[in-house]
Amino acid sequence: MRQRPRPNLRRLRRKRVRQLTTDVPGENRLTLDATLAQRDNLRYTPAGIPAIDCTLHHQSVQAEAGGERKVECEVHAVAFADVARRLDRMPVGGGLRCEGFLARRYRTGVTVALHITHID
């Protein structure tokens, strides 16, 4: 009796992951009115790009389920290039409206950070 060859599970898993990631919608945009709660010093990546880490504090009242909900939270954020330079000149405690996208804060972590791409 002839045995069937066993499937390569690693190859199947990789193929399945690729299929899942291509079917996911690509929208990931966030606009947030916040106060600059904390700001680290301007640093440079190994490629020479200016970068800055900061913490944003948000406080508002939002409509939810037919009522109002008071929202207060802190969000870790990072900015690069010209946006990082602008953020470095802003005073701590000052208000700003920022736009960007969410990504993992650390490559292997599960927490997220706002990557700021635009500041008003």
PDB file of N, CA and C in Angstrom:
ATOM      1  N   MET A   1       0.829  -1.175   0.000  1.00  0.00           N
ATOM      2  CA  MET A   1       0.000   0.000   0.000  1.00  0.00           C
ATOM      3  C   MET A   1       0.886   1.256   0.000  1.00  0.00           C
ATOM      4  N   ARG A   2       0.544   2.166  -0.844  1.00  0.00           N
ATOM      5  CA  ARG A   2       1.331   3.382  -1.021  1.00  0.00           C
ATOM      6  C   ARG A   2       0.835   4.473  -0.086  1.00  0.00           C
ATOM      7  N   GLN A   3       1.770   5.146   0.632  1.00  0.00           N
ATOM      8  CA  GLN A   3       1.393   6.216   1.563  1.00  0.00           C
ATOM      9  C   GLN A   3       1.373   7.551   0.830  1.00  0.00           C
ATOM     10  N   ARG A   4       0.430   8.354   1.239  1.00  0.00           N
ATOM     11  CA  ARG A   4       0.359   9.718   0.700  1.00  0.00           C
ATOM     12  C   ARG A   4       1.440  10.575   1.343  1.00  0.00           C
ATOM     13  N   PRO A   5       2.066  11.440   0.583  1.00  0.00           N
ATOM     14  CA  PRO A   5       3.072  12.322   1.185  1.00  0.00           C
ATOM     15  C   PRO A   5       2.396  13.322   2.136  1.00  0.00           C
ATOM     16  N   ARG A   6       3.070  13.635   3.231  1.00  0.00           N
ATOM     17  CA  ARG A   6       2.530  14.577   4.207  1.00  0.00           C
ATOM     18  C   ARG A   6       2.726  16.009   3.704  1.00  0.00           C
ATOM     19  N   PRO A   7       1.747  16.844   3.900  1.00  0.00           N
ATOM     20  CA  PRO A   7       1.894  18.233   3.437  1.00  0.00           C
ATOM     21  C   PRO A   7       2.900  18.989   4.306  1.00  0.00           C
ATOM     22  N   ASN A   8       3.572  19.938   3.704  1.00  0.00           N
ATOM     23  CA  ASN A   8       4.508  20.788   4.428  1.00  0.00           C
ATOM     24  C   ASN A   8       3.695  21.853   5.169  1.00  0.00           C
ATOM     25  N   LEU A   9       3.538  21.687   6.481  1.00  0.00           N
ATOM     26  CA  LEU A   9       2.675  22.577   7.260  1.00  0.00           C
ATOM     27  C   LEU A   9       3.195  24.009   7.296  1.00  0.00           C
ATOM     28  N   ARG A  10       4.505  24.169   7.347  1.00  0.00           N
ATOM     29  CA  ARG A  10       5.051  25.538   7.363  1.00  0.00           C
ATOM     30  C   ARG A  10       4.676  26.295   6.098  1.00  0.00           C
ATOM     31  N   ARG A  11       4.812  25.625   4.968  1.00  0.00           N
ATOM     32  CA  ARG A  11       4.486  26.266   3.701  1.00  0.00           C
ATOM     33  C   ARG A  11       2.994  26.611   3.640  1.00  0.00           C
ATOM     34  N   LEU A  12       2.147  25.710   4.134  1.00  0.00           N
ATOM     35  CA  LEU A  12       0.707  25.966   4.143  1.00  0.00           C
ATOM     36  C   LEU A  12       0.369  27.148   5.044  1.00  0.00           C
ATOM     37  N   ARG A  13       1.001  27.218   6.224  1.00  0.00           N
ATOM     38  CA  ARG A  13       0.742  28.344   7.136  1.00  0.00           C
ATOM     39  C   ARG A  13       1.148  29.665   6.510  1.00  0.00           C
ATOM     40  N   ARG A  14       2.345  29.698   5.898  1.00  0.00           N
ATOM     41  CA  ARG A  14       2.796  30.932   5.251  1.00  0.00           C
ATOM     42  C   ARG A  14       1.833  31.360   4.152  1.00  0.00           C
ATOM     43  N   LYS A  15       1.365  30.397   3.374  1.00  0.00           N
ATOM     44  CA  LYS A  15       0.428  30.702   2.295  1.00  0.00           C
ATOM     45  C   LYS A  15      -0.874  31.253   2.871  1.00  0.00           C
ATOM     46  N   ARG A  16      -1.354  30.647   3.963  1.00  0.00           N
ATOM     47  CA  ARG A  16      -2.589  31.111   4.603  1.00  0.00           C
ATOM     48  C   ARG A  16      -2.427  32.524   5.152  1.00  0.00           C
ATOM     49  N   VAL A  17      -1.289  32.823   5.785  1.00  0.00           N
ATOM     50  CA  VAL A  17      -1.045  34.168   6.313  1.00  0.00           C
ATOM     51  C   VAL A  17      -1.046  35.182   5.189  1.00  0.00           C
ATOM     52  N   ARG A  18      -0.385  34.857   4.064  1.00  0.00           N
ATOM     53  CA  ARG A  18      -0.379  35.774   2.923  1.00  0.00           C
ATOM     54  C   ARG A  18      -1.789  36.020   2.412  1.00  0.00           C
ATOM     55  N   GLN A  19      -2.618  34.965   2.362  1.00  0.00           N
ATOM     56  CA  GLN A  19      -3.993  35.123   1.904  1.00  0.00           C
ATOM     57  C   GLN A  19      -4.775  36.015   2.853  1.00  0.00           C
ATOM     58  N   LEU A  20      -4.593  35.852   4.152  1.00  0.00           N
ATOM     59  CA  LEU A  20      -5.325  36.668   5.123  1.00  0.00           C
ATOM     60  C   LEU A  20      -4.924  38.127   5.034  1.00  0.00           C
ATOM     61  N   THR A  21      -3.627  38.401   4.890  1.00  0.00           N
ATOM     62  CA  THR A  21      -3.181  39.790   4.873  1.00  0.00           C
ATOM     63  C   THR A  21      -3.591  40.509   3.600  1.00  0.00           C
ATOM     64  N   THR A  22      -3.760  39.808   2.498  1.00  0.00           N
ATOM     65  CA  THR A  22      -4.156  40.489   1.268  1.00  0.00           C
ATOM     66  C   THR A  22      -5.650  40.793   1.245  1.00  0.00           C
ATOM     67  N   ASP A  23      -6.435  40.097   2.059  1.00  0.00           N
ATOM     68  CA  ASP A  23      -7.874  40.315   2.083  1.00  0.00           C
ATOM     69  C   ASP A  23      -8.302  41.381   3.092  1.00  0.00           C
ATOM     70  N   VAL A  24      -7.373  41.876   3.899  1.00  0.00           N
ATOM     71  CA  VAL A  24      -7.690  42.852   4.942  1.00  0.00           C
ATOM     72  C   VAL A  24      -7.780  44.242   4.312  1.00  0.00           C
ATOM     73  N   PRO A  25      -8.834  45.009   4.645  1.00  0.00           N
ATOM     74  CA  PRO A  25      -8.914  46.382   4.139  1.00  0.00           C
ATOM     75  C   PRO A  25      -7.709  47.198   4.595  1.00  0.00           C
ATOM     76  N   GLY A  26      -7.301  48.171   3.807  1.00  0.00           N
ATOM     77  CA  GLY A  26      -6.080  48.913   4.087  1.00  0.00           C
ATOM     78  C   GLY A  26      -6.263  50.220   4.828  1.00  0.00           C
ATOM     79  N   GLU A  27      -7.459  50.606   5.208  1.00  0.00           N
ATOM     80  CA  GLU A  27      -7.684  51.899   5.843  1.00  0.00           C
ATOM     81  C   GLU A  27      -7.202  51.875   7.292  1.00  0.00           C
ATOM     82  N   ASN A  28      -6.351  52.817   7.649  1.00  0.00           N
ATOM     83  CA  ASN A  28      -5.824  52.955   8.999  1.00  0.00           C
ATOM     84  C   ASN A  28      -5.440  54.416   9.182  1.00  0.00           C
ATOM     85  N   ARG A  29      -6.423  55.268   9.426  1.00  0.00           N
ATOM     86  CA  ARG A  29      -6.189  56.709   9.601  1.00  0.00           C
ATOM     87  C   ARG A  29      -6.836  57.155  10.897  1.00  0.00           C
ATOM     88  N   LEU A  30      -6.172  58.056  11.587  1.00  0.00           N
ATOM     89  CA  LEU A  30      -6.676  58.561  12.856  1.00  0.00           C
ATOM     90  C   LEU A  30      -6.416  60.054  12.923  1.00  0.00           C
ATOM     91  N   THR A  31      -7.428  60.812  13.312  1.00  0.00           N
ATOM     92  CA  THR A  31      -7.285  62.231  13.584  1.00  0.00           C
ATOM     93  C   THR A  31      -7.605  62.430  15.053  1.00  0.00           C
ATOM     94  N   LEU A  32      -6.731  63.127  15.768  1.00  0.00           N
ATOM     95  CA  LEU A  32      -6.882  63.271  17.206  1.00  0.00           C
ATOM     96  C   LEU A  32      -6.550  64.692  17.632  1.00  0.00           C
ATOM     97  N   ASP A  33      -7.474  65.310  18.378  1.00  0.00           N
ATOM     98  CA  ASP A  33      -7.198  66.583  19.045  1.00  0.00           C
ATOM     99  C   ASP A  33      -6.643  66.237  20.415  1.00  0.00           C
ATOM    100  N   ALA A  34      -5.469  66.758  20.728  1.00  0.00           N
ATOM    101  CA  ALA A  34      -4.813  66.358  21.964  1.00  0.00           C
ATOM    102  C   ALA A  34      -3.925  67.466  22.498  1.00  0.00           C
ATOM    103  N   THR A  35      -3.423  67.225  23.700  1.00  0.00           N
ATOM    104  CA  THR A  35      -2.436  68.079  24.339  1.00  0.00           C
ATOM    105  C   THR A  35      -1.121  67.314  24.362  1.00  0.00           C
ATOM    106  N   LEU A  36      -0.035  67.999  24.073  1.00  0.00           N
ATOM    107  CA  LEU A  36       1.280  67.370  24.123  1.00  0.00           C
ATOM    108  C   LEU A  36       1.666  67.208  25.593  1.00  0.00           C
ATOM    109  N   ALA A  37       1.519  65.992  26.120  1.00  0.00           N
ATOM    110  CA  ALA A  37       1.745  65.744  27.547  1.00  0.00           C
ATOM    111  C   ALA A  37       3.222  65.556  27.872  1.00  0.00           C
ATOM    112  N   GLN A  38       3.955  64.919  26.988  1.00  0.00           N
ATOM    113  CA  GLN A  38       5.374  64.644  27.221  1.00  0.00           C
ATOM    114  C   GLN A  38       6.062  64.518  25.879  1.00  0.00           C
ATOM    115  N   ARG A  39       7.328  64.954  25.840  1.00  0.00           N
ATOM    116  CA  ARG A  39       8.077  64.865  24.589  1.00  0.00           C
ATOM    117  C   ARG A  39       9.521  64.501  24.894  1.00  0.00           C
ATOM    118  N   ASP A  40      10.042  63.509  24.212  1.00  0.00           N
ATOM    119  CA  ASP A  40      11.456  63.162  24.339  1.00  0.00           C
ATOM    120  C   ASP A  40      12.275  64.110  23.473  1.00  0.00           C
ATOM    121  N   ASN A  41      13.583  64.008  23.592  1.00  0.00           N
ATOM    122  CA  ASN A  41      14.473  64.826  22.766  1.00  0.00           C
ATOM    123  C   ASN A  41      14.452  64.327  21.321  1.00  0.00           C
ATOM    124  N   LEU A  42      14.682  65.244  20.412  1.00  0.00           N
ATOM    125  CA  LEU A  42      14.780  64.889  19.002  1.00  0.00           C
ATOM    126  C   LEU A  42      15.982  63.966  18.829  1.00  0.00           C
ATOM    127  N   ARG A  43      15.797  62.876  18.110  1.00  0.00           N
ATOM    128  CA  ARG A  43      16.875  61.928  17.843  1.00  0.00           C
ATOM    129  C   ARG A  43      16.917  61.665  16.343  1.00  0.00           C
ATOM    130  N   TYR A  44      17.905  60.897  15.935  1.00  0.00           N
ATOM    131  CA  TYR A  44      18.044  60.575  14.518  1.00  0.00           C
ATOM    132  C   TYR A  44      18.128  59.062  14.345  1.00  0.00           C
ATOM    133  N   THR A  45      17.432  58.550  13.348  1.00  0.00           N
ATOM    134  CA  THR A  45      17.475  57.121  13.049  1.00  0.00           C
ATOM    135  C   THR A  45      18.845  56.797  12.439  1.00  0.00           C
ATOM    136  N   PRO A  46      19.206  55.523  12.339  1.00  0.00           N
ATOM    137  CA  PRO A  46      20.475  55.176  11.675  1.00  0.00           C
ATOM    138  C   PRO A  46      20.568  55.696  10.240  1.00  0.00           C
ATOM    139  N   ALA A  47      19.423  55.925   9.605  1.00  0.00           N
ATOM    140  CA  ALA A  47      19.420  56.471   8.239  1.00  0.00           C
ATOM    141  C   ALA A  47      19.521  57.995   8.235  1.00  0.00           C
ATOM    142  N   GLY A  48      19.609  58.610   9.422  1.00  0.00           N
ATOM    143  CA  GLY A  48      19.755  60.063   9.504  1.00  0.00           C
ATOM    144  C   GLY A  48      18.447  60.835   9.486  1.00  0.00           C
ATOM    145  N   ILE A  49      17.316  60.171   9.676  1.00  0.00           N
ATOM    146  CA  ILE A  49      16.006  60.830   9.655  1.00  0.00           C
ATOM    147  C   ILE A  49      15.660  61.292  11.069  1.00  0.00           C
ATOM    148  N   PRO A  50      15.273  62.571  11.242  1.00  0.00           N
ATOM    149  CA  PRO A  50      14.871  63.041  12.569  1.00  0.00           C
ATOM    150  C   PRO A  50      13.644  62.276  13.063  1.00  0.00           C
ATOM    151  N   ALA A  51      13.636  61.933  14.345  1.00  0.00           N
ATOM    152  CA  ALA A  51      12.521  61.200  14.947  1.00  0.00           C
ATOM    153  C   ALA A  51      12.303  61.707  16.361  1.00  0.00           C
ATOM    154  N   ILE A  52      11.055  61.657  16.810  1.00  0.00           N
ATOM    155  CA  ILE A  52      10.737  62.075  18.169  1.00  0.00           C
ATOM    156  C   ILE A  52       9.589  61.220  18.711  1.00  0.00           C
ATOM    157  N   ASP A  53       9.704  60.835  19.976  1.00  0.00           N
ATOM    158  CA  ASP A  53       8.654  60.097  20.667  1.00  0.00           C
ATOM    159  C   ASP A  53       7.950  61.055  21.613  1.00  0.00           C
ATOM    160  N   CYS A  54       6.652  60.865  21.785  1.00  0.00           N
ATOM    161  CA  CYS A  54       5.898  61.731  22.673  1.00  0.00           C
ATOM    162  C   CYS A  54       4.667  61.009  23.205  1.00  0.00           C
ATOM    163  N   THR A  55       4.033  61.643  24.177  1.00  0.00           N
ATOM    164  CA  THR A  55       2.777  61.150  24.718  1.00  0.00           C
ATOM    165  C   THR A  55       1.744  62.242  24.532  1.00  0.00           C
ATOM    166  N   LEU A  56       0.593  61.880  23.986  1.00  0.00           N
ATOM    167  CA  LEU A  56      -0.504  62.818  23.762  1.00  0.00           C
ATOM    168  C   LEU A  56      -1.611  62.530  24.764  1.00  0.00           C
ATOM    169  N   HIS A  57      -2.233  63.581  25.278  1.00  0.00           N
ATOM    170  CA  HIS A  57      -3.359  63.429  26.196  1.00  0.00           C
ATOM    171  C   HIS A  57      -4.610  63.943  25.495  1.00  0.00           C
ATOM    172  N   HIS A  58      -5.642  63.109  25.455  1.00  0.00           N
ATOM    173  CA  HIS A  58      -6.900  63.468  24.795  1.00  0.00           C
ATOM    174  C   HIS A  58      -8.025  63.482  25.820  1.00  0.00           C
ATOM    175  N   GLN A  59      -8.898  64.481  25.690  1.00  0.00           N
ATOM    176  CA  GLN A  59     -10.055  64.596  26.573  1.00  0.00           C
ATOM    177  C   GLN A  59     -11.209  65.163  25.761  1.00  0.00           C
ATOM    178  N   SER A  60     -12.362  64.464  25.791  1.00  0.00           N
ATOM    179  CA  SER A  60     -13.518  64.936  25.038  1.00  0.00           C
ATOM    180  C   SER A  60     -14.775  64.244  25.535  1.00  0.00           C
ATOM    181  N   VAL A  61     -15.903  64.660  24.941  1.00  0.00           N
ATOM    182  CA  VAL A  61     -17.186  64.001  25.179  1.00  0.00           C
ATOM    183  C   VAL A  61     -17.654  63.476  23.828  1.00  0.00           C
ATOM    184  N   GLN A  62     -17.960  62.166  23.762  1.00  0.00           N
ATOM    185  CA  GLN A  62     -18.331  61.524  22.509  1.00  0.00           C
ATOM    186  C   GLN A  62     -19.734  60.925  22.625  1.00  0.00           C
ATOM    187  N   ALA A  63     -20.456  60.924  21.509  1.00  0.00           N
ATOM    188  CA  ALA A  63     -21.773  60.289  21.469  1.00  0.00           C
ATOM    189  C   ALA A  63     -21.601  58.794  21.294  1.00  0.00           C
ATOM    190  N   GLU A  64     -22.320  58.028  22.138  1.00  0.00           N
ATOM    191  CA  GLU A  64     -22.248  56.572  22.043  1.00  0.00           C
ATOM    192  C   GLU A  64     -23.544  55.967  22.564  1.00  0.00           C
ATOM    193  N   ALA A  65     -24.158  55.107  21.768  1.00  0.00           N
ATOM    194  CA  ALA A  65     -25.367  54.371  22.150  1.00  0.00           C
ATOM    195  C   ALA A  65     -26.477  55.304  22.649  1.00  0.00           C
ATOM    196  N   GLY A  66     -26.649  56.426  21.976  1.00  0.00           N
ATOM    197  CA  GLY A  66     -27.712  57.359  22.321  1.00  0.00           C
ATOM    198  C   GLY A  66     -27.416  58.244  23.514  1.00  0.00           C
ATOM    199  N   GLY A  67     -26.236  58.153  24.065  1.00  0.00           N
ATOM    200  CA  GLY A  67     -25.860  58.989  25.208  1.00  0.00           C
ATOM    201  C   GLY A  67     -24.515  59.639  24.978  1.00  0.00           C
ATOM    202  N   GLU A  68     -24.022  60.285  26.023  1.00  0.00           N
ATOM    203  CA  GLU A  68     -22.718  60.930  25.941  1.00  0.00           C
ATOM    204  C   GLU A  68     -21.731  60.181  26.819  1.00  0.00           C
ATOM    205  N   ARG A  69     -20.529  60.089  26.342  1.00  0.00           N
ATOM    206  CA  ARG A  69     -19.475  59.407  27.089  1.00  0.00           C
ATOM    207  C   ARG A  69     -18.276  60.329  27.209  1.00  0.00           C
ATOM    208  N   LYS A  70     -17.799  60.505  28.430  1.00  0.00           N
ATOM    209  CA  LYS A  70     -16.601  61.293  28.667  1.00  0.00           C
ATOM    210  C   LYS A  70     -15.392  60.421  28.375  1.00  0.00           C
ATOM    211  N   VAL A  71     -14.526  60.897  27.505  1.00  0.00           N
ATOM    212  CA  VAL A  71     -13.357  60.136  27.078  1.00  0.00           C
ATOM    213  C   VAL A  71     -12.098  60.870  27.519  1.00  0.00           C
ATOM    214  N   GLU A  72     -11.196  60.130  28.139  1.00  0.00           N
ATOM    215  CA  GLU A  72      -9.908  60.678  28.535  1.00  0.00           C
ATOM    216  C   GLU A  72      -8.880  59.567  28.389  1.00  0.00           C
ATOM    217  N   CYS A  73      -7.817  59.819  27.628  1.00  0.00           N
ATOM    218  CA  CYS A  73      -6.805  58.779  27.417  1.00  0.00           C
ATOM    219  C   CYS A  73      -5.469  59.405  27.049  1.00  0.00           C
ATOM    220  N   GLU A  74      -4.424  58.598  27.197  1.00  0.00           N
ATOM    221  CA  GLU A  74      -3.088  58.973  26.747  1.00  0.00           C
ATOM    222  C   GLU A  74      -2.692  58.036  25.621  1.00  0.00           C
ATOM    223  N   VAL A  75      -2.053  58.592  24.613  1.00  0.00           N
ATOM    224  CA  VAL A  75      -1.637  57.820  23.447  1.00  0.00           C
ATOM    225  C   VAL A  75      -0.150  58.064  23.217  1.00  0.00           C
ATOM    226  N   HIS A  76       0.593  56.992  23.078  1.00  0.00           N
ATOM    227  CA  HIS A  76       2.002  57.121  22.707  1.00  0.00           C
ATOM    228  C   HIS A  76       2.059  57.421  21.213  1.00  0.00           C
ATOM    229  N   ALA A  77       2.995  58.289  20.835  1.00  0.00           N
ATOM    230  CA  ALA A  77       3.090  58.680  19.433  1.00  0.00           C
ATOM    231  C   ALA A  77       4.548  58.846  19.028  1.00  0.00           C
ATOM    232  N   VAL A  78       4.777  58.778  17.729  1.00  0.00           N
ATOM    233  CA  VAL A  78       6.102  58.974  17.156  1.00  0.00           C
ATOM    234  C   VAL A  78       5.943  59.759  15.855  1.00  0.00           C
ATOM    235  N   ALA A  79       6.931  60.593  15.572  1.00  0.00           N
ATOM    236  CA  ALA A  79       6.899  61.376  14.329  1.00  0.00           C
ATOM    237  C   ALA A  79       8.299  61.379  13.720  1.00  0.00           C
ATOM    238  N   PHE A  80       8.359  61.517  12.398  1.00  0.00           N
ATOM    239  CA  PHE A  80       9.621  61.505  11.680  1.00  0.00           C
ATOM    240  C   PHE A  80       9.729  62.711  10.760  1.00  0.00           C
ATOM    241  N   ALA A  81      10.946  63.012  10.350  1.00  0.00           N
ATOM    242  CA  ALA A  81      11.270  64.044   9.361  1.00  0.00           C
ATOM    243  C   ALA A  81      10.758  65.431   9.790  1.00  0.00           C
ATOM    244  N   ASP A  82      10.111  66.167   8.884  1.00  0.00           N
ATOM    245  CA  ASP A  82       9.662  67.528   9.169  1.00  0.00           C
ATOM    246  C   ASP A  82       8.634  67.581  10.288  1.00  0.00           C
ATOM    247  N   VAL A  83       7.781  66.573  10.384  1.00  0.00           N
ATOM    248  CA  VAL A  83       6.777  66.533  11.453  1.00  0.00           C
ATOM    249  C   VAL A  83       7.479  66.429  12.809  1.00  0.00           C
ATOM    250  N   ALA A  84       8.547  65.657  12.884  1.00  0.00           N
ATOM    251  CA  ALA A  84       9.314  65.533  14.131  1.00  0.00           C
ATOM    252  C   ALA A  84       9.942  66.872  14.503  1.00  0.00           C
ATOM    253  N   ARG A  85      10.472  67.583  13.534  1.00  0.00           N
ATOM    254  CA  ARG A  85      11.072  68.908  13.811  1.00  0.00           C
ATOM    255  C   ARG A  85      10.017  69.890  14.322  1.00  0.00           C
ATOM    256  N   ARG A  86       8.830  69.870  13.718  1.00  0.00           N
ATOM    257  CA  ARG A  86       7.741  70.758  14.172  1.00  0.00           C
ATOM    258  C   ARG A  86       7.309  70.406  15.585  1.00  0.00           C
ATOM    259  N   LEU A  87       7.193  69.119  15.862  1.00  0.00           N
ATOM    260  CA  LEU A  87       6.789  68.659  17.190  1.00  0.00           C
ATOM    261  C   LEU A  87       7.836  69.037  18.234  1.00  0.00           C
ATOM    262  N   ASP A  88       9.095  69.032  17.859  1.00  0.00           N
ATOM    263  CA  ASP A  88      10.183  69.397  18.772  1.00  0.00           C
ATOM    264  C   ASP A  88      10.101  70.865  19.182  1.00  0.00           C
ATOM    265  N   ARG A  89       9.561  71.711  18.324  1.00  0.00           N
ATOM    266  CA  ARG A  89       9.431  73.146  18.625  1.00  0.00           C
ATOM    267  C   ARG A  89       8.161  73.489  19.401  1.00  0.00           C
ATOM    268  N   MET A  90       7.219  72.546  19.508  1.00  0.00           N
ATOM    269  CA  MET A  90       5.953  72.812  20.209  1.00  0.00           C
ATOM    270  C   MET A  90       6.149  72.726  21.716  1.00  0.00           C
ATOM    271  N   PRO A  91       5.468  73.605  22.456  1.00  0.00           N
ATOM    272  CA  PRO A  91       5.607  73.565  23.914  1.00  0.00           C
ATOM    273  C   PRO A  91       4.820  72.400  24.520  1.00  0.00           C
ATOM    274  N   VAL A  92       5.392  71.769  25.535  1.00  0.00           N
ATOM    275  CA  VAL A  92       4.671  70.735  26.277  1.00  0.00           C
ATOM    276  C   VAL A  92       3.478  71.405  26.946  1.00  0.00           C
ATOM    277  N   GLY A  93       2.314  70.792  26.838  1.00  0.00           N
ATOM    278  CA  GLY A  93       1.075  71.368  27.357  1.00  0.00           C
ATOM    279  C   GLY A  93       0.264  72.077  26.295  1.00  0.00           C
ATOM    280  N   GLY A  94       0.851  72.271  25.116  1.00  0.00           N
ATOM    281  CA  GLY A  94       0.150  72.926  24.017  1.00  0.00           C
ATOM    282  C   GLY A  94      -0.783  71.975  23.292  1.00  0.00           C
ATOM    283  N   GLY A  95      -1.825  72.533  22.708  1.00  0.00           N
ATOM    284  CA  GLY A  95      -2.798  71.733  21.973  1.00  0.00           C
ATOM    285  C   GLY A  95      -2.400  71.547  20.530  1.00  0.00           C
ATOM    286  N   LEU A  96      -2.819  70.443  19.948  1.00  0.00           N
ATOM    287  CA  LEU A  96      -2.541  70.175  18.541  1.00  0.00           C
ATOM    288  C   LEU A  96      -3.574  69.209  17.982  1.00  0.00           C
ATOM    289  N   ARG A  97      -3.749  69.265  16.691  1.00  0.00           N
ATOM    290  CA  ARG A  97      -4.567  68.283  15.967  1.00  0.00           C
ATOM    291  C   ARG A  97      -3.593  67.503  15.097  1.00  0.00           C
ATOM    292  N   CYS A  98      -3.552  66.205  15.306  1.00  0.00           N
ATOM    293  CA  CYS A  98      -2.610  65.403  14.538  1.00  0.00           C
ATOM    294  C   CYS A  98      -3.336  64.300  13.784  1.00  0.00           C
ATOM    295  N   GLU A  99      -2.763  63.947  12.656  1.00  0.00           N
ATOM    296  CA  GLU A  99      -3.282  62.878  11.820  1.00  0.00           C
ATOM    297  C   GLU A  99      -2.172  61.865  11.627  1.00  0.00           C
ATOM    298  N   GLY A 100      -2.576  60.593  11.502  1.00  0.00           N
ATOM    299  CA  GLY A 100      -1.581  59.561  11.286  1.00  0.00           C
ATOM    300  C   GLY A 100      -2.215  58.189  11.223  1.00  0.00           C
ATOM    301  N   PHE A 101      -1.427  57.191  11.536  1.00  0.00           N
ATOM    302  CA  PHE A 101      -1.902  55.809  11.509  1.00  0.00           C
ATOM    303  C   PHE A 101      -1.387  55.071  12.737  1.00  0.00           C
ATOM    304  N   LEU A 102      -2.055  53.989  13.080  1.00  0.00           N
ATOM    305  CA  LEU A 102      -1.661  53.175  14.219  1.00  0.00           C
ATOM    306  C   LEU A 102      -0.774  52.018  13.762  1.00  0.00           C
ATOM    307  N   ALA A 103       0.261  51.751  14.549  1.00  0.00           N
ATOM    308  CA  ALA A 103       1.151  50.617  14.299  1.00  0.00           C
ATOM    309  C   ALA A 103       1.680  50.132  15.644  1.00  0.00           C
ATOM    310  N   ARG A 104       2.273  48.961  15.639  1.00  0.00           N
ATOM    311  CA  ARG A 104       2.855  48.455  16.878  1.00  0.00           C
ATOM    312  C   ARG A 104       3.892  49.437  17.408  1.00  0.00           C
ATOM    313  N   ARG A 105       3.888  49.600  18.715  1.00  0.00           N
ATOM    314  CA  ARG A 105       4.859  50.495  19.331  1.00  0.00           C
ATOM    315  C   ARG A 105       6.259  49.900  19.238  1.00  0.00           C
ATOM    316  N   TYR A 106       6.355  48.614  19.479  1.00  0.00           N
ATOM    317  CA  TYR A 106       7.613  47.888  19.335  1.00  0.00           C
ATOM    318  C   TYR A 106       7.393  46.762  18.340  1.00  0.00           C
ATOM    319  N   ARG A 107       8.426  46.395  17.657  1.00  0.00           N
ATOM    320  CA  ARG A 107       8.309  45.404  16.588  1.00  0.00           C
ATOM    321  C   ARG A 107       7.674  44.096  17.046  1.00  0.00           C
ATOM    322  N   THR A 108       8.003  43.652  18.265  1.00  0.00           N
ATOM    323  CA  THR A 108       7.478  42.376  18.744  1.00  0.00           C
ATOM    324  C   THR A 108       6.379  42.542  19.794  1.00  0.00           C
ATOM    325  N   GLY A 109       5.968  43.777  20.072  1.00  0.00           N
ATOM    326  CA  GLY A 109       4.974  44.023  21.111  1.00  0.00           C
ATOM    327  C   GLY A 109       3.549  43.993  20.592  1.00  0.00           C
ATOM    328  N   VAL A 110       2.618  44.223  21.517  1.00  0.00           N
ATOM    329  CA  VAL A 110       1.204  44.250  21.146  1.00  0.00           C
ATOM    330  C   VAL A 110       0.590  45.635  21.357  1.00  0.00           C
ATOM    331  N   THR A 111       1.279  46.534  22.053  1.00  0.00           N
ATOM    332  CA  THR A 111       0.747  47.880  22.248  1.00  0.00           C
ATOM    333  C   THR A 111       0.929  48.698  20.971  1.00  0.00           C
ATOM    334  N   VAL A 112       0.078  49.704  20.797  1.00  0.00           N
ATOM    335  CA  VAL A 112       0.129  50.509  19.575  1.00  0.00           C
ATOM    336  C   VAL A 112       0.609  51.922  19.868  1.00  0.00           C
ATOM    337  N   ALA A 113       1.094  52.563  18.829  1.00  0.00           N
ATOM    338  CA  ALA A 113       1.494  53.966  18.885  1.00  0.00           C
ATOM    339  C   ALA A 113       0.933  54.660  17.653  1.00  0.00           C
ATOM    340  N   LEU A 114       0.614  55.932  17.812  1.00  0.00           N
ATOM    341  CA  LEU A 114       0.173  56.754  16.695  1.00  0.00           C
ATOM    342  C   LEU A 114       1.409  57.267  15.961  1.00  0.00           C
ATOM    343  N   HIS A 115       1.527  56.952  14.679  1.00  0.00           N
ATOM    344  CA  HIS A 115       2.602  57.490  13.849  1.00  0.00           C
ATOM    345  C   HIS A 115       2.051  58.757  13.200  1.00  0.00           C
ATOM    346  N   ILE A 116       2.487  59.892  13.693  1.00  0.00           N
ATOM    347  CA  ILE A 116       1.970  61.181  13.246  1.00  0.00           C
ATOM    348  C   ILE A 116       2.549  61.526  11.889  1.00  0.00           C
ATOM    349  N   THR A 117       1.675  61.796  10.938  1.00  0.00           N
ATOM    350  CA  THR A 117       2.122  62.180   9.593  1.00  0.00           C
ATOM    351  C   THR A 117       1.791  63.635   9.258  1.00  0.00           C
ATOM    352  N   HIS A 118       0.934  64.262  10.065  1.00  0.00           N
ATOM    353  CA  HIS A 118       0.541  65.648   9.810  1.00  0.00           C
ATOM    354  C   HIS A 118       0.108  66.305  11.120  1.00  0.00           C
ATOM    355  N   ILE A 119       0.501  67.559  11.316  1.00  0.00           N
ATOM    356  CA  ILE A 119       0.107  68.315  12.511  1.00  0.00           C
ATOM    357  C   ILE A 119      -0.499  69.636  12.084  1.00  0.00           C
ATOM    358  N   ASP A 120      -1.620  70.001  12.707  1.00  0.00           N
ATOM    359  CA  ASP A 120      -2.225  71.336  12.533  1.00  0.00           C
ATOM    360  C   ASP A 120      -2.079  72.108  13.816  1.00  0.00           C
TER     361      ASP A 120
END
